[in-house]
Amino acid sequence: MEQQQRLEPSAISDGLQKQIERRAFQLYEARGREDGHDLDDWLRAEAALRREALRPKASIAAAVYEE
C-alpha cells in the first residue's frame, strides 16, 4: 500500500473527521471487529473519502468539455 500523508485531526473539519470515523468503524465492523488495525482503518477511510470527493469534480469537468 502506498504511503499517504495522514491529516491530523486538528487540520480537518469536524464534519470530515466524523465521516472518516464512521467509515473507519465500518471497515472495523466488516473485518469482524478485529482489534489492532485502527490506523490502517483510518488511513483507508481517509483515502476513500478523498477519492470520492475528487470523483464528482472530474465528472463535472468532463460534462463541461463535452458540450
N, C-alpha and C. Protein backbone atom coordinates (compact mmCIF):
# COMPACT_ATOMS: atom_id res chain seq x y z
N MET A 1 0.85 -1.18 0.00
CA MET A 1 0.00 0.00 0.00
C MET A 1 0.89 1.24 0.00
N GLU A 2 0.58 2.22 -0.85
CA GLU A 2 1.42 3.40 -0.93
C GLU A 2 1.30 4.24 0.33
N GLN A 3 2.38 4.91 0.66
CA GLN A 3 2.43 5.76 1.85
C GLN A 3 1.60 7.01 1.59
N GLN A 4 0.69 7.33 2.51
CA GLN A 4 -0.13 8.51 2.37
C GLN A 4 0.10 9.42 3.56
N GLN A 5 -0.04 10.72 3.32
CA GLN A 5 0.08 11.66 4.40
C GLN A 5 -1.23 11.66 5.18
N ARG A 6 -1.13 11.44 6.46
CA ARG A 6 -2.31 11.41 7.32
C ARG A 6 -2.58 12.81 7.81
N LEU A 7 -3.83 13.22 7.70
CA LEU A 7 -4.21 14.53 8.20
C LEU A 7 -4.38 14.45 9.71
N GLU A 8 -3.83 15.41 10.40
CA GLU A 8 -4.01 15.48 11.84
C GLU A 8 -5.43 15.93 12.12
N PRO A 9 -6.07 15.39 13.18
CA PRO A 9 -7.45 15.78 13.47
C PRO A 9 -7.66 17.28 13.57
N SER A 10 -6.68 18.03 14.07
CA SER A 10 -6.83 19.48 14.19
C SER A 10 -6.81 20.17 12.82
N ALA A 11 -6.32 19.48 11.79
CA ALA A 11 -6.20 20.06 10.46
C ALA A 11 -7.41 19.79 9.58
N ILE A 12 -8.37 19.05 10.07
CA ILE A 12 -9.55 18.74 9.27
C ILE A 12 -10.80 19.22 9.99
N SER A 13 -11.84 19.46 9.24
CA SER A 13 -13.09 19.95 9.81
C SER A 13 -13.75 18.85 10.65
N ASP A 14 -14.59 19.28 11.57
CA ASP A 14 -15.31 18.32 12.40
C ASP A 14 -16.17 17.39 11.55
N GLY A 15 -16.78 17.94 10.50
CA GLY A 15 -17.62 17.13 9.63
C GLY A 15 -16.84 16.05 8.92
N LEU A 16 -15.67 16.41 8.40
CA LEU A 16 -14.83 15.43 7.71
C LEU A 16 -14.30 14.39 8.69
N GLN A 17 -13.92 14.84 9.87
CA GLN A 17 -13.43 13.89 10.87
C GLN A 17 -14.50 12.87 11.23
N LYS A 18 -15.74 13.33 11.36
CA LYS A 18 -16.85 12.41 11.67
C LYS A 18 -17.05 11.42 10.53
N GLN A 19 -16.94 11.88 9.28
CA GLN A 19 -17.08 10.99 8.14
C GLN A 19 -15.99 9.92 8.15
N ILE A 20 -14.77 10.33 8.43
CA ILE A 20 -13.66 9.38 8.47
C ILE A 20 -13.87 8.39 9.61
N GLU A 21 -14.29 8.87 10.76
CA GLU A 21 -14.55 7.98 11.90
C GLU A 21 -15.61 6.94 11.55
N ARG A 22 -16.69 7.40 10.92
CA ARG A 22 -17.77 6.45 10.54
C ARG A 22 -17.27 5.41 9.55
N ARG A 23 -16.52 5.86 8.54
CA ARG A 23 -16.01 4.94 7.53
C ARG A 23 -15.01 3.96 8.13
N ALA A 24 -14.14 4.46 9.02
CA ALA A 24 -13.16 3.58 9.68
C ALA A 24 -13.87 2.54 10.53
N PHE A 25 -14.93 2.95 11.19
CA PHE A 25 -15.69 1.99 12.02
C PHE A 25 -16.37 0.94 11.14
N GLN A 26 -16.86 1.35 9.98
CA GLN A 26 -17.45 0.38 9.05
C GLN A 26 -16.42 -0.65 8.62
N LEU A 27 -15.19 -0.19 8.37
CA LEU A 27 -14.12 -1.12 8.00
C LEU A 27 -13.82 -2.08 9.15
N TYR A 28 -13.79 -1.56 10.35
CA TYR A 28 -13.57 -2.37 11.56
C TYR A 28 -14.65 -3.44 11.69
N GLU A 29 -15.90 -3.04 11.52
CA GLU A 29 -17.00 -4.00 11.62
C GLU A 29 -16.95 -5.03 10.50
N ALA A 30 -16.61 -4.59 9.29
CA ALA A 30 -16.55 -5.51 8.14
C ALA A 30 -15.48 -6.58 8.34
N ARG A 31 -14.45 -6.26 9.10
CA ARG A 31 -13.38 -7.20 9.38
C ARG A 31 -13.72 -8.08 10.57
N GLY A 32 -14.91 -7.96 11.12
CA GLY A 32 -15.32 -8.79 12.25
C GLY A 32 -14.88 -8.22 13.59
N ARG A 33 -14.70 -6.89 13.64
CA ARG A 33 -14.32 -6.19 14.87
C ARG A 33 -12.99 -6.67 15.43
N GLU A 34 -12.08 -7.01 14.55
CA GLU A 34 -10.73 -7.44 14.96
C GLU A 34 -9.91 -6.20 15.33
N ASP A 35 -9.44 -6.17 16.56
CA ASP A 35 -8.66 -5.03 17.04
C ASP A 35 -7.26 -5.00 16.43
N GLY A 36 -6.62 -3.84 16.54
CA GLY A 36 -5.23 -3.71 16.13
C GLY A 36 -5.02 -3.12 14.76
N HIS A 37 -6.09 -2.66 14.11
CA HIS A 37 -5.97 -2.12 12.75
C HIS A 37 -6.53 -0.70 12.67
N ASP A 38 -6.58 -0.02 13.79
CA ASP A 38 -7.23 1.30 13.82
C ASP A 38 -6.57 2.31 12.89
N LEU A 39 -5.25 2.35 12.86
CA LEU A 39 -4.57 3.31 11.98
C LEU A 39 -4.80 2.94 10.52
N ASP A 40 -4.73 1.66 10.19
CA ASP A 40 -4.99 1.22 8.82
C ASP A 40 -6.41 1.59 8.40
N ASP A 41 -7.37 1.36 9.30
CA ASP A 41 -8.77 1.68 9.00
C ASP A 41 -8.93 3.18 8.78
N TRP A 42 -8.28 3.99 9.63
CA TRP A 42 -8.38 5.45 9.49
C TRP A 42 -7.81 5.89 8.14
N LEU A 43 -6.64 5.39 7.80
CA LEU A 43 -6.00 5.79 6.54
C LEU A 43 -6.80 5.33 5.33
N ARG A 44 -7.33 4.12 5.38
CA ARG A 44 -8.15 3.62 4.27
C ARG A 44 -9.42 4.45 4.12
N ALA A 45 -10.04 4.80 5.27
CA ALA A 45 -11.26 5.61 5.24
C ALA A 45 -10.96 6.99 4.68
N GLU A 46 -9.88 7.58 5.12
CA GLU A 46 -9.48 8.90 4.66
C GLU A 46 -9.21 8.89 3.15
N ALA A 47 -8.50 7.90 2.68
CA ALA A 47 -8.19 7.79 1.26
C ALA A 47 -9.46 7.60 0.43
N ALA A 48 -10.36 6.78 0.91
CA ALA A 48 -11.61 6.53 0.18
C ALA A 48 -12.43 7.81 0.08
N LEU A 49 -12.50 8.56 1.16
CA LEU A 49 -13.27 9.80 1.13
C LEU A 49 -12.62 10.84 0.21
N ARG A 50 -11.30 10.86 0.17
CA ARG A 50 -10.61 11.76 -0.76
C ARG A 50 -10.94 11.41 -2.20
N ARG A 51 -10.89 10.10 -2.51
CA ARG A 51 -11.22 9.67 -3.89
C ARG A 51 -12.66 10.05 -4.24
N GLU A 52 -13.57 9.83 -3.31
CA GLU A 52 -14.97 10.17 -3.56
C GLU A 52 -15.16 11.66 -3.74
N ALA A 53 -14.42 12.46 -3.00
CA ALA A 53 -14.53 13.91 -3.11
C ALA A 53 -14.03 14.40 -4.46
N LEU A 54 -13.04 13.73 -5.02
CA LEU A 54 -12.48 14.12 -6.31
C LEU A 54 -13.33 13.65 -7.48
N ARG A 55 -14.02 12.55 -7.31
CA ARG A 55 -14.79 11.95 -8.41
C ARG A 55 -15.84 12.90 -9.00
N PRO A 56 -16.70 13.52 -8.19
CA PRO A 56 -17.72 14.40 -8.80
C PRO A 56 -17.11 15.57 -9.56
N LYS A 57 -16.01 16.12 -9.07
CA LYS A 57 -15.37 17.24 -9.76
C LYS A 57 -14.91 16.82 -11.14
N ALA A 58 -14.37 15.63 -11.26
CA ALA A 58 -13.92 15.12 -12.56
C ALA A 58 -15.12 14.94 -13.49
N SER A 59 -16.24 14.46 -12.96
CA SER A 59 -17.43 14.24 -13.77
C SER A 59 -17.98 15.56 -14.26
N ILE A 60 -17.98 16.58 -13.40
CA ILE A 60 -18.48 17.90 -13.80
C ILE A 60 -17.60 18.47 -14.89
N ALA A 61 -16.29 18.37 -14.72
CA ALA A 61 -15.36 18.89 -15.73
C ALA A 61 -15.55 18.18 -17.05
N ALA A 62 -15.76 16.89 -17.03
CA ALA A 62 -15.97 16.12 -18.26
C ALA A 62 -17.26 16.58 -18.95
N ALA A 63 -18.29 16.82 -18.18
CA ALA A 63 -19.57 17.26 -18.75
C ALA A 63 -19.44 18.63 -19.39
N VAL A 64 -18.67 19.51 -18.80
CA VAL A 64 -18.48 20.85 -19.35
C VAL A 64 -17.75 20.76 -20.69
N TYR A 65 -16.74 19.91 -20.79
CA TYR A 65 -15.96 19.80 -22.02
C TYR A 65 -16.71 19.06 -23.12
N GLU A 66 -17.74 18.28 -22.75
CA GLU A 66 -18.50 17.55 -23.77
C GLU A 66 -19.45 18.44 -24.53
N GLU A 67 -19.83 19.57 -23.94
CA GLU A 67 -20.80 20.46 -24.60
C GLU A 67 -20.26 21.14 -25.82
